[in-house]
Amino acid sequence: MEQEKVLQDILETVHFLRDNAATKLELAELRSGITSELNELRNDMDSRFSGVFSHIDGFIGLHQKLDTELTSLRAK
C-alpha cells in the first residue's frame, strides 16, 4: 500500500514535469529572443546618449569660449 502511494507520487511528479517543464530548445529560443531585445535596447540607448553627449560637449565648448573671452576682457 505504501509502495503504491510512492509510485503514484512519482508518476504525478513525472506528469507535472512533462506538462510544465521547458525543453532545452525552448530555453535556447527564449535566450535568443532576450539577447536580441537587449541588443536593440543597447543600440537605442547608445543613440540617445550620443545626442545628449554632443549637446553637453557643445555646452562645455561654449563655456570655455566664454571663459576665454572674459579672461581677455579682464586682461585689457
Protein backbone atom coordinates (compact mmCIF):
# COMPACT_ATOMS: atom_id res chain seq x y z
CA MET A 1 0.00 0.00 0.00
CA GLU A 2 2.76 2.46 0.94
CA GLN A 3 4.73 1.49 -2.15
CA GLU A 4 1.73 2.25 -4.37
CA LYS A 5 1.45 5.72 -2.80
CA VAL A 6 5.14 6.39 -3.50
CA LEU A 7 4.76 5.18 -7.10
CA GLN A 8 1.64 7.33 -7.54
CA ASP A 9 3.52 10.38 -6.21
CA ILE A 10 6.41 9.71 -8.59
CA LEU A 11 4.03 9.29 -11.51
CA GLU A 12 2.26 12.52 -10.59
CA THR A 13 5.59 14.35 -10.45
CA VAL A 14 6.66 12.94 -13.82
CA HIS A 15 3.38 14.03 -15.42
CA PHE A 16 3.73 17.51 -13.95
CA LEU A 17 7.27 17.84 -15.27
CA ARG A 18 6.24 16.56 -18.70
CA ASP A 19 3.42 19.09 -18.92
CA ASN A 20 5.22 22.12 -17.44
CA ALA A 21 8.98 21.84 -17.90
CA ALA A 22 10.73 23.77 -20.68
CA THR A 23 12.84 21.95 -23.19
CA LYS A 24 16.43 22.83 -24.00
CA LEU A 25 15.30 24.20 -27.37
CA GLU A 26 12.61 26.39 -25.78
CA LEU A 27 15.14 27.83 -23.35
CA ALA A 28 17.60 28.50 -26.19
CA GLU A 29 14.88 30.31 -28.17
CA LEU A 30 13.96 32.38 -25.13
CA ARG A 31 17.60 33.27 -24.54
CA SER A 32 18.00 34.25 -28.18
CA GLY A 33 14.93 36.49 -28.01
CA ILE A 34 16.10 38.17 -24.81
CA THR A 35 19.58 38.70 -26.24
CA SER A 36 18.08 40.27 -29.35
CA GLU A 37 15.90 42.62 -27.30
CA LEU A 38 18.84 43.61 -25.09
CA ASN A 39 20.94 44.41 -28.17
CA GLU A 40 18.13 46.58 -29.56
CA LEU A 41 17.84 48.37 -26.22
CA ARG A 42 21.61 48.88 -26.06
CA ASN A 43 21.64 50.36 -29.56
CA ASP A 44 18.70 52.63 -28.75
CA MET A 45 20.34 53.86 -25.54
CA ASP A 46 23.66 54.44 -27.36
CA SER A 47 21.95 56.58 -29.98
CA ARG A 48 20.02 58.58 -27.35
CA PHE A 49 23.07 59.17 -25.18
CA SER A 50 25.24 60.15 -28.12
CA GLY A 51 22.82 63.03 -28.76
CA VAL A 52 22.92 64.07 -25.12
CA PHE A 53 26.69 63.90 -25.03
CA SER A 54 27.02 66.04 -28.15
CA HIS A 55 24.80 68.69 -26.50
CA ILE A 56 26.92 68.54 -23.34
CA ASP A 57 30.12 68.83 -25.40
CA GLY A 58 28.67 71.87 -27.18
CA PHE A 59 27.74 73.48 -23.87
CA ILE A 60 31.21 72.85 -22.46
CA GLY A 61 32.76 74.34 -25.61
CA LEU A 62 30.63 77.48 -25.26
CA HIS A 63 31.55 77.77 -21.60
CA GLN A 64 35.26 77.50 -22.41
CA LYS A 65 34.94 80.20 -25.10
CA LEU A 66 33.08 82.47 -22.69
CA ASP A 67 35.73 81.90 -20.03
CA THR A 68 38.48 82.75 -22.53
CA GLU A 69 36.68 85.93 -23.63
CA LEU A 70 36.10 87.04 -20.04
CA THR A 71 39.75 86.43 -19.22
CA SER A 72 40.77 88.53 -22.26
CA LEU A 73 38.45 91.37 -21.25
CA ARG A 74 39.81 91.40 -17.70
CA ALA A 75 43.37 91.49 -19.00
CA LYS A 76 42.66 94.69 -21.00
